[in-house]
Amino acid sequence: MNDLVKARALSRVVWQAGKVVSGVDQVAVEMPVAMVYNDISHAVMMATPSDLEDFAIGFSMSEGILDSPLQLLDCKENITSKGIELAMTITEAPFARLKHRRRVLAGRTGCGICGIESLDQVMNKPALITSDIRVTHSAVQSALVTLGERQELQRQTGAVHAAAWCSVNGELLIIREDVGRHNALDKLLGARNRQGDADSPGFALVTSRASYEMVFKTASANIPLLATLSAPTSLAIELANQSGLTLVAFTRPERHVIYTGRQRLPG
């Protein structure tokens, strides 16, 4: 799929030290992106219109709609006056599961969390991560430096998050950007699957906080280590610990904080 415009030049006025200056800024584009499965609209995300096929696969798998990228038979990008529809054709088994989920939700009065209807479902956790990879502290720091250099859209607009897939040695192999941190991570997960890289050793680095959802998506993809630039939440730490995920937060030059899975960062 061809990417749409990710940034747009818009006029603005700057006040600084008593002076007013007119000019132009590059502003990140944000628009509705609808996830449509076999002609049924399932969710609408506010997202940056780039790497949309990665987004479709990553979202579908991290949300448990697809078990494998092979279950996605086709994905078409339909541009409308109101946004973008990602019209996906999926195989019978995941579509039947999706329709069942929609029937369960029909007629309910509670809003829930992303269509979840009970506390037991909220606290579901992914399968235990058993990877025994080791990552050096210098590899995490090296990835952090490179990430800043590779955030092209962030440099233009200052408005987007990034998610990167890094080798065990800290080399950035894939990077995806989006106005939404979850979207950026979904795009990254989708890109790994599309490139056949889903089982290679490495770790994820994201520019956001470590929330429950970010940890859940990472652990569901069987990624053994997640490093974030901002703080973790208590539930994110709890889920990471239960899932066997190494969680690193407050990743800054010459400093990062390890909350769980210390064994993967020796020294």
C-alpha atoms as a PDB file:
ATOM      1  CA  MET A   1       0.000   0.000   0.000  1.00  0.00           C
ATOM      2  CA  ASN A   2       1.178   3.528  -0.702  1.00  0.00           C
ATOM      3  CA  ASP A   3       1.423   5.746   2.342  1.00  0.00           C
ATOM      4  CA  LEU A   4      -0.682   8.893   2.421  1.00  0.00           C
ATOM      5  CA  VAL A   5       0.655  12.242   3.579  1.00  0.00           C
ATOM      6  CA  LYS A   6       1.999  11.876   7.125  1.00  0.00           C
ATOM      7  CA  ALA A   7       2.700  15.550   7.774  1.00  0.00           C
ATOM      8  CA  ARG A   8       1.105  18.746   6.501  1.00  0.00           C
ATOM      9  CA  ALA A   9       2.476  22.288   6.368  1.00  0.00           C
ATOM     10  CA  LEU A  10       0.185  24.635   8.304  1.00  0.00           C
ATOM     11  CA  SER A  11       0.551  28.275   9.291  1.00  0.00           C
ATOM     12  CA  ARG A  12       1.133  29.323  12.894  1.00  0.00           C
ATOM     13  CA  VAL A  13       2.144  32.326  14.975  1.00  0.00           C
ATOM     14  CA  VAL A  14       4.891  32.140  17.582  1.00  0.00           C
ATOM     15  CA  TRP A  15       5.096  34.500  20.571  1.00  0.00           C
ATOM     16  CA  GLN A  16       8.513  34.579  22.195  1.00  0.00           C
ATOM     17  CA  ALA A  17      10.045  37.177  24.533  1.00  0.00           C
ATOM     18  CA  GLY A  18       7.514  39.802  23.515  1.00  0.00           C
ATOM     19  CA  LYS A  19       7.880  39.247  19.780  1.00  0.00           C
ATOM     20  CA  VAL A  20       5.338  37.683  17.401  1.00  0.00           C
ATOM     21  CA  VAL A  21       6.574  35.814  14.337  1.00  0.00           C
ATOM     22  CA  SER A  22       4.426  34.170  11.652  1.00  0.00           C
ATOM     23  CA  GLY A  23       5.513  31.062   9.849  1.00  0.00           C
ATOM     24  CA  VAL A  24       4.752  27.474   8.886  1.00  0.00           C
ATOM     25  CA  ASP A  25       4.999  24.232  10.875  1.00  0.00           C
ATOM     26  CA  GLN A  26       4.980  20.623   9.758  1.00  0.00           C
ATOM     27  CA  VAL A  27       2.038  19.080  11.619  1.00  0.00           C
ATOM     28  CA  ALA A  28       1.453  15.334  12.008  1.00  0.00           C
ATOM     29  CA  VAL A  29      -1.621  14.080  10.148  1.00  0.00           C
ATOM     30  CA  GLU A  30      -4.202  12.267  12.255  1.00  0.00           C
ATOM     31  CA  MET A  31      -7.309  10.660  10.785  1.00  0.00           C
ATOM     32  CA  PRO A  32      -9.852   7.897  11.479  1.00  0.00           C
ATOM     33  CA  VAL A  33      -8.785   4.435  10.310  1.00  0.00           C
ATOM     34  CA  ALA A  34     -11.523   1.818  10.361  1.00  0.00           C
ATOM     35  CA  MET A  35     -10.689  -1.870  10.772  1.00  0.00           C
ATOM     36  CA  VAL A  36     -13.218  -3.728   8.602  1.00  0.00           C
ATOM     37  CA  TYR A  37     -13.298  -7.546   8.528  1.00  0.00           C
ATOM     38  CA  ASN A  38     -15.262  -9.278   5.777  1.00  0.00           C
ATOM     39  CA  ASP A  39     -17.410  -6.138   5.359  1.00  0.00           C
ATOM     40  CA  ILE A  40     -18.056  -5.757   9.101  1.00  0.00           C
ATOM     41  CA  SER A  41     -16.605  -2.669  10.757  1.00  0.00           C
ATOM     42  CA  HIS A  42     -14.995  -3.646  14.063  1.00  0.00           C
ATOM     43  CA  ALA A  43     -13.059  -0.624  15.357  1.00  0.00           C
ATOM     44  CA  VAL A  44     -12.045   2.890  14.385  1.00  0.00           C
ATOM     45  CA  MET A  45      -8.628   4.128  15.456  1.00  0.00           C
ATOM     46  CA  MET A  46      -7.252   7.662  15.247  1.00  0.00           C
ATOM     47  CA  ALA A  47      -3.924   7.095  13.519  1.00  0.00           C
ATOM     48  CA  THR A  48      -1.201   8.386  11.236  1.00  0.00           C
ATOM     49  CA  PRO A  49      -1.912   7.193   7.655  1.00  0.00           C
ATOM     50  CA  SER A  50       1.345   5.317   7.109  1.00  0.00           C
ATOM     51  CA  ASP A  51       2.363   1.634   7.112  1.00  0.00           C
ATOM     52  CA  LEU A  52      -1.315   0.743   7.141  1.00  0.00           C
ATOM     53  CA  GLU A  53      -0.934  -2.916   6.163  1.00  0.00           C
ATOM     54  CA  ASP A  54       1.496  -3.342   9.048  1.00  0.00           C
ATOM     55  CA  PHE A  55      -1.118  -1.659  11.238  1.00  0.00           C
ATOM     56  CA  ALA A  56      -3.864  -3.991  10.007  1.00  0.00           C
ATOM     57  CA  ILE A  57      -1.873  -7.137  10.763  1.00  0.00           C
ATOM     58  CA  GLY A  58      -0.406  -5.920  14.043  1.00  0.00           C
ATOM     59  CA  PHE A  59      -3.755  -4.715  15.384  1.00  0.00           C
ATOM     60  CA  SER A  60      -5.536  -7.873  14.276  1.00  0.00           C
ATOM     61  CA  MET A  61      -3.018 -10.142  15.978  1.00  0.00           C
ATOM     62  CA  SER A  62      -2.478  -8.123  19.150  1.00  0.00           C
ATOM     63  CA  GLU A  63      -6.255  -7.895  19.623  1.00  0.00           C
ATOM     64  CA  GLY A  64      -6.598 -11.671  19.204  1.00  0.00           C
ATOM     65  CA  ILE A  65      -8.657 -11.454  16.020  1.00  0.00           C
ATOM     66  CA  LEU A  66      -6.044 -13.329  13.994  1.00  0.00           C
ATOM     67  CA  ASP A  67      -3.732 -16.076  15.218  1.00  0.00           C
ATOM     68  CA  SER A  68      -1.473 -15.875  12.177  1.00  0.00           C
ATOM     69  CA  PRO A  69      -0.851 -13.351   9.381  1.00  0.00           C
ATOM     70  CA  LEU A  70      -1.721 -16.169   6.983  1.00  0.00           C
ATOM     71  CA  GLN A  71      -5.354 -15.789   8.101  1.00  0.00           C
ATOM     72  CA  LEU A  72      -5.421 -12.381   6.412  1.00  0.00           C
ATOM     73  CA  LEU A  73      -6.219 -13.089   2.776  1.00  0.00           C
ATOM     74  CA  ASP A  74      -6.433  -9.522   1.497  1.00  0.00           C
ATOM     75  CA  CYS A  75      -6.259  -5.951   2.739  1.00  0.00           C
ATOM     76  CA  LYS A  76      -7.473  -3.010   0.683  1.00  0.00           C
ATOM     77  CA  GLU A  77      -7.126   0.643   1.574  1.00  0.00           C
ATOM     78  CA  ASN A  78     -10.331   2.536   0.834  1.00  0.00           C
ATOM     79  CA  ILE A  79      -9.986   6.312   1.140  1.00  0.00           C
ATOM     80  CA  THR A  80     -13.244   8.112   1.911  1.00  0.00           C
ATOM     81  CA  SER A  81     -14.184  11.696   2.703  1.00  0.00           C
ATOM     82  CA  LYS A  82     -14.292  10.796   6.410  1.00  0.00           C
ATOM     83  CA  GLY A  83     -11.144   8.706   6.727  1.00  0.00           C
ATOM     84  CA  ILE A  84      -9.658   5.388   5.650  1.00  0.00           C
ATOM     85  CA  GLU A  85     -11.195   1.929   5.676  1.00  0.00           C
ATOM     86  CA  LEU A  86      -8.846  -1.029   5.881  1.00  0.00           C
ATOM     87  CA  ALA A  87     -11.064  -3.615   4.212  1.00  0.00           C
ATOM     88  CA  MET A  88      -9.675  -6.983   5.267  1.00  0.00           C
ATOM     89  CA  THR A  89     -10.694 -10.401   4.061  1.00  0.00           C
ATOM     90  CA  ILE A  90      -9.968 -13.029   6.711  1.00  0.00           C
ATOM     91  CA  THR A  91     -10.446 -16.790   6.816  1.00  0.00           C
ATOM     92  CA  GLU A  92     -13.503 -18.522   8.237  1.00  0.00           C
ATOM     93  CA  ALA A  93     -12.284 -19.499  11.722  1.00  0.00           C
ATOM     94  CA  PRO A  94     -11.199 -16.035  12.957  1.00  0.00           C
ATOM     95  CA  PHE A  95     -14.248 -14.426  11.339  1.00  0.00           C
ATOM     96  CA  ALA A  96     -16.589 -16.817  13.150  1.00  0.00           C
ATOM     97  CA  ARG A  97     -14.818 -15.969  16.413  1.00  0.00           C
ATOM     98  CA  LEU A  98     -15.145 -12.262  15.697  1.00  0.00           C
ATOM     99  CA  LYS A  99     -18.865 -12.557  14.934  1.00  0.00           C
ATOM    100  CA  HIS A 100     -19.376 -14.485  18.185  1.00  0.00           C
ATOM    101  CA  ARG A 101     -17.625 -11.725  20.117  1.00  0.00           C
ATOM    102  CA  ARG A 102     -19.900  -9.131  18.509  1.00  0.00           C
ATOM    103  CA  ARG A 103     -23.029 -11.163  19.374  1.00  0.00           C
ATOM    104  CA  VAL A 104     -21.922 -11.393  23.005  1.00  0.00           C
ATOM    105  CA  LEU A 105     -21.521  -7.617  23.146  1.00  0.00           C
ATOM    106  CA  ALA A 106     -24.867  -6.830  21.479  1.00  0.00           C
ATOM    107  CA  GLY A 107     -27.383  -5.149  23.777  1.00  0.00           C
ATOM    108  CA  ARG A 108     -25.034  -4.612  26.713  1.00  0.00           C
ATOM    109  CA  THR A 109     -25.358  -1.367  28.654  1.00  0.00           C
ATOM    110  CA  GLY A 110     -21.848  -1.214  30.164  1.00  0.00           C
ATOM    111  CA  CYS A 111     -19.057   0.310  28.135  1.00  0.00           C
ATOM    112  CA  GLY A 112     -16.378  -2.120  29.304  1.00  0.00           C
ATOM    113  CA  ILE A 113     -12.731  -1.962  28.236  1.00  0.00           C
ATOM    114  CA  CYS A 114     -12.400  -2.467  24.481  1.00  0.00           C
ATOM    115  CA  GLY A 115     -15.487  -4.695  24.475  1.00  0.00           C
ATOM    116  CA  ILE A 116     -14.401  -6.760  27.479  1.00  0.00           C
ATOM    117  CA  GLU A 117     -17.336  -7.629  29.695  1.00  0.00           C
ATOM    118  CA  SER A 118     -15.840  -8.914  32.959  1.00  0.00           C
ATOM    119  CA  LEU A 119     -12.924  -8.304  35.309  1.00  0.00           C
ATOM    120  CA  ASP A 120     -11.730 -11.869  34.689  1.00  0.00           C
ATOM    121  CA  GLN A 121     -11.273 -11.030  31.011  1.00  0.00           C
ATOM    122  CA  VAL A 122      -9.394  -7.842  31.832  1.00  0.00           C
ATOM    123  CA  MET A 123      -6.890  -9.844  33.867  1.00  0.00           C
ATOM    124  CA  ASN A 124      -6.237 -12.452  31.188  1.00  0.00           C
ATOM    125  CA  LYS A 125      -2.538 -12.733  30.485  1.00  0.00           C
ATOM    126  CA  PRO A 126      -0.505 -14.062  27.545  1.00  0.00           C
ATOM    127  CA  ALA A 127       1.392 -17.328  27.585  1.00  0.00           C
ATOM    128  CA  LEU A 128       4.592 -17.305  29.650  1.00  0.00           C
ATOM    129  CA  ILE A 129       7.653 -15.991  27.803  1.00  0.00           C
ATOM    130  CA  THR A 130      10.492 -18.487  28.165  1.00  0.00           C
ATOM    131  CA  SER A 131      13.186 -16.860  26.029  1.00  0.00           C
ATOM    132  CA  ASP A 132      16.639 -17.000  27.603  1.00  0.00           C
ATOM    133  CA  ILE A 133      18.201 -14.195  25.554  1.00  0.00           C
ATOM    134  CA  ARG A 134      20.657 -11.842  27.236  1.00  0.00           C
ATOM    135  CA  VAL A 135      20.850  -8.151  26.364  1.00  0.00           C
ATOM    136  CA  THR A 136      23.627  -5.884  27.558  1.00  0.00           C
ATOM    137  CA  HIS A 137      22.963  -2.488  29.085  1.00  0.00           C
ATOM    138  CA  SER A 138      25.070  -0.942  26.338  1.00  0.00           C
ATOM    139  CA  ALA A 139      22.799  -2.535  23.703  1.00  0.00           C
ATOM    140  CA  VAL A 140      19.743  -0.822  25.232  1.00  0.00           C
ATOM    141  CA  GLN A 141      21.624   2.483  25.326  1.00  0.00           C
ATOM    142  CA  SER A 142      22.830   2.085  21.742  1.00  0.00           C
ATOM    143  CA  ALA A 143      19.278   1.433  20.540  1.00  0.00           C
ATOM    144  CA  LEU A 144      18.082   4.536  22.398  1.00  0.00           C
ATOM    145  CA  VAL A 145      20.607   6.762  20.623  1.00  0.00           C
ATOM    146  CA  THR A 146      19.792   5.317  17.206  1.00  0.00           C
ATOM    147  CA  LEU A 147      16.045   5.626  17.799  1.00  0.00           C
ATOM    148  CA  GLY A 148      16.357   9.368  18.205  1.00  0.00           C
ATOM    149  CA  GLU A 149      18.277   9.576  14.952  1.00  0.00           C
ATOM    150  CA  ARG A 150      15.710   7.486  13.047  1.00  0.00           C
ATOM    151  CA  GLN A 151      12.493   9.244  14.132  1.00  0.00           C
ATOM    152  CA  GLU A 152      11.946  11.127  10.890  1.00  0.00           C
ATOM    153  CA  LEU A 153       8.302  12.097  11.427  1.00  0.00           C
ATOM    154  CA  GLN A 154       8.956  13.085  15.041  1.00  0.00           C
ATOM    155  CA  ARG A 155      11.735  15.428  13.912  1.00  0.00           C
ATOM    156  CA  GLN A 156       9.339  17.052  11.444  1.00  0.00           C
ATOM    157  CA  THR A 157       6.332  17.391  13.742  1.00  0.00           C
ATOM    158  CA  GLY A 158       7.224  16.668  17.379  1.00  0.00           C
ATOM    159  CA  ALA A 159       3.871  14.892  17.723  1.00  0.00           C
ATOM    160  CA  VAL A 160       4.348  11.151  17.230  1.00  0.00           C
ATOM    161  CA  HIS A 161       5.457   8.061  19.112  1.00  0.00           C
ATOM    162  CA  ALA A 162       7.848   5.449  17.778  1.00  0.00           C
ATOM    163  CA  ALA A 163       8.210   1.717  18.298  1.00  0.00           C
ATOM    164  CA  ALA A 164      11.386  -0.055  17.245  1.00  0.00           C
ATOM    165  CA  TRP A 165      12.498  -3.664  16.915  1.00  0.00           C
ATOM    166  CA  CYS A 166      16.110  -4.066  17.980  1.00  0.00           C
ATOM    167  CA  SER A 167      18.587  -6.902  17.676  1.00  0.00           C
ATOM    168  CA  VAL A 168      20.173  -8.366  20.808  1.00  0.00           C
ATOM    169  CA  ASN A 169      23.161  -6.124  20.062  1.00  0.00           C
ATOM    170  CA  GLY A 170      21.002  -2.989  20.004  1.00  0.00           C
ATOM    171  CA  GLU A 171      20.824  -2.487  16.230  1.00  0.00           C
ATOM    172  CA  LEU A 172      17.523  -0.938  15.114  1.00  0.00           C
ATOM    173  CA  LEU A 173      16.043  -3.261  12.486  1.00  0.00           C
ATOM    174  CA  ILE A 174      12.506  -1.850  12.122  1.00  0.00           C
ATOM    175  CA  ILE A 175      10.943   1.424  13.254  1.00  0.00           C
ATOM    176  CA  ARG A 176       7.346   2.582  12.961  1.00  0.00           C
ATOM    177  CA  GLU A 177       5.813   5.929  13.977  1.00  0.00           C
ATOM    178  CA  ASP A 178       2.268   7.047  14.765  1.00  0.00           C
ATOM    179  CA  VAL A 179       0.375   9.666  16.742  1.00  0.00           C
ATOM    180  CA  GLY A 180      -0.826   6.818  18.968  1.00  0.00           C
ATOM    181  CA  ARG A 181       1.619   4.760  21.008  1.00  0.00           C
ATOM    182  CA  HIS A 182      -0.511   1.611  20.682  1.00  0.00           C
ATOM    183  CA  ASN A 183      -0.731   2.174  16.935  1.00  0.00           C
ATOM    184  CA  ALA A 184       3.036   2.518  16.616  1.00  0.00           C
ATOM    185  CA  LEU A 185       3.520  -0.771  18.469  1.00  0.00           C
ATOM    186  CA  ASP A 186       0.856  -2.527  16.394  1.00  0.00           C
ATOM    187  CA  LYS A 187       2.550  -1.302  13.215  1.00  0.00           C
ATOM    188  CA  LEU A 188       5.854  -2.655  14.475  1.00  0.00           C
ATOM    189  CA  LEU A 189       4.336  -6.049  15.315  1.00  0.00           C
ATOM    190  CA  GLY A 190       2.686  -6.164  11.909  1.00  0.00           C
ATOM    191  CA  ALA A 191       5.939  -5.277  10.147  1.00  0.00           C
ATOM    192  CA  ARG A 192       7.792  -8.073  11.972  1.00  0.00           C
ATOM    193  CA  ASN A 193       5.192 -10.587  10.845  1.00  0.00           C
ATOM    194  CA  ARG A 194       5.137  -9.343   7.261  1.00  0.00           C
ATOM    195  CA  GLN A 195       8.921  -9.518   7.059  1.00  0.00           C
ATOM    196  CA  GLY A 196       9.032 -13.015   8.547  1.00  0.00           C
ATOM    197  CA  ASP A 197      10.961 -11.680  11.531  1.00  0.00           C
ATOM    198  CA  ALA A 198       8.509 -12.590  14.296  1.00  0.00           C
ATOM    199  CA  ASP A 199      10.671 -15.333  15.819  1.00  0.00           C
ATOM    200  CA  SER A 200      14.065 -13.649  15.706  1.00  0.00           C
ATOM    201  CA  PRO A 201      15.747 -12.723  19.018  1.00  0.00           C
ATOM    202  CA  GLY A 202      15.691  -9.103  20.105  1.00  0.00           C
ATOM    203  CA  PHE A 203      13.730  -6.531  22.054  1.00  0.00           C
ATOM    204  CA  ALA A 204      11.237  -3.696  21.577  1.00  0.00           C
ATOM    205  CA  LEU A 205      11.890  -0.041  22.378  1.00  0.00           C
ATOM    206  CA  VAL A 206       9.017   2.468  22.494  1.00  0.00           C
ATOM    207  CA  THR A 207       8.860   6.190  23.195  1.00  0.00           C
ATOM    208  CA  SER A 208       5.830   6.020  25.486  1.00  0.00           C
ATOM    209  CA  ARG A 209       5.068   4.985  29.028  1.00  0.00           C
ATOM    210  CA  ALA A 210       4.733   1.296  29.878  1.00  0.00           C
ATOM    211  CA  SER A 211       0.989   0.818  30.257  1.00  0.00           C
ATOM    212  CA  TYR A 212      -0.895  -2.443  30.755  1.00  0.00           C
ATOM    213  CA  GLU A 213      -1.886  -2.488  27.077  1.00  0.00           C
ATOM    214  CA  MET A 214       1.656  -1.957  25.833  1.00  0.00           C
ATOM    215  CA  VAL A 215       2.948  -4.786  28.007  1.00  0.00           C
ATOM    216  CA  PHE A 216       0.067  -7.038  26.965  1.00  0.00           C
ATOM    217  CA  LYS A 217       0.691  -6.486  23.242  1.00  0.00           C
ATOM    218  CA  THR A 218       4.429  -7.072  23.658  1.00  0.00           C
ATOM    219  CA  ALA A 219       4.045 -10.228  25.725  1.00  0.00           C
ATOM    220  CA  SER A 220       1.357 -11.573  23.371  1.00  0.00           C
ATOM    221  CA  ALA A 221       3.898 -11.289  20.548  1.00  0.00           C
ATOM    222  CA  ASN A 222       6.361 -13.357  22.636  1.00  0.00           C
ATOM    223  CA  ILE A 223       8.846 -10.481  22.778  1.00  0.00           C
ATOM    224  CA  PRO A 224      11.020 -11.049  25.870  1.00  0.00           C
ATOM    225  CA  LEU A 225      12.062  -7.453  26.643  1.00  0.00           C
ATOM    226  CA  LEU A 226      10.270  -4.122  26.401  1.00  0.00           C
ATOM    227  CA  ALA A 227      12.108  -0.854  27.021  1.00  0.00           C
ATOM    228  CA  THR A 228      10.123   2.382  27.323  1.00  0.00           C
ATOM    229  CA  LEU A 229      11.170   6.004  27.618  1.00  0.00           C
ATOM    230  CA  SER A 230       8.598   6.893  30.263  1.00  0.00           C
ATOM    231  CA  ALA A 231       7.232   5.406  33.473  1.00  0.00           C
ATOM    232  CA  PRO A 232       5.481   2.061  33.989  1.00  0.00           C
ATOM    233  CA  THR A 233       2.144   1.612  35.720  1.00  0.00           C
ATOM    234  CA  SER A 234       1.621  -0.797  38.589  1.00  0.00           C
ATOM    235  CA  LEU A 235      -0.559  -3.106  36.499  1.00  0.00           C
ATOM    236  CA  ALA A 236       2.004  -3.113  33.683  1.00  0.00           C
ATOM    237  CA  ILE A 237       4.697  -4.248  36.127  1.00  0.00           C
ATOM    238  CA  GLU A 238       2.400  -6.924  37.527  1.00  0.00           C
ATOM    239  CA  LEU A 239       1.519  -8.264  34.079  1.00  0.00           C
ATOM    240  CA  ALA A 240       5.158  -8.199  32.947  1.00  0.00           C
ATOM    241  CA  ASN A 241       6.171 -10.172  36.025  1.00  0.00           C
ATOM    242  CA  GLN A 242       3.405 -12.740  35.490  1.00  0.00           C
ATOM    243  CA  SER A 243       4.246 -13.080  31.790  1.00  0.00           C
ATOM    244  CA  GLY A 244       8.003 -13.440  32.245  1.00  0.00           C
ATOM    245  CA  LEU A 245       8.633 -10.191  30.360  1.00  0.00           C
ATOM    246  CA  THR A 246      11.672  -8.056  31.125  1.00  0.00           C
ATOM    247  CA  LEU A 247      10.351  -4.523  31.594  1.00  0.00           C
ATOM    248  CA  VAL A 248      12.744  -1.575  31.389  1.00  0.00           C
ATOM    249  CA  ALA A 249      11.451   1.984  31.818  1.00  0.00           C
ATOM    250  CA  PHE A 250      12.748   5.552  32.196  1.00  0.00           C
ATOM    251  CA  THR A 251      15.225   4.733  29.424  1.00  0.00           C
ATOM    252  CA  ARG A 252      17.492   7.767  29.190  1.00  0.00           C
ATOM    253  CA  PRO A 253      21.100   8.356  28.102  1.00  0.00           C
ATOM    254  CA  GLU A 254      23.359   6.562  30.594  1.00  0.00           C
ATOM    255  CA  ARG A 255      20.387   5.375  32.677  1.00  0.00           C
ATOM    256  CA  HIS A 256      17.474   2.941  32.618  1.00  0.00           C
ATOM    257  CA  VAL A 257      15.394   1.228  35.294  1.00  0.00           C
ATOM    258  CA  ILE A 258      14.660  -2.521  35.324  1.00  0.00           C
ATOM    259  CA  TYR A 259      11.374  -3.533  36.960  1.00  0.00           C
ATOM    260  CA  THR A 260      11.018  -7.203  36.023  1.00  0.00           C
ATOM    261  CA  GLY A 261      13.034  -9.966  34.364  1.00  0.00           C
ATOM    262  CA  ARG A 262      16.419  -8.824  35.643  1.00  0.00           C
ATOM    263  CA  GLN A 263      18.047 -12.065  34.418  1.00  0.00           C
ATOM    264  CA  ARG A 264      17.977 -10.885  30.789  1.00  0.00           C
ATOM    265  CA  LEU A 265      20.105  -7.820  31.583  1.00  0.00           C
ATOM    266  CA  PRO A 266      23.175  -9.203  33.379  1.00  0.00           C
ATOM    267  CA  GLY A 267      25.920  -7.047  34.811  1.00  0.00           C
END
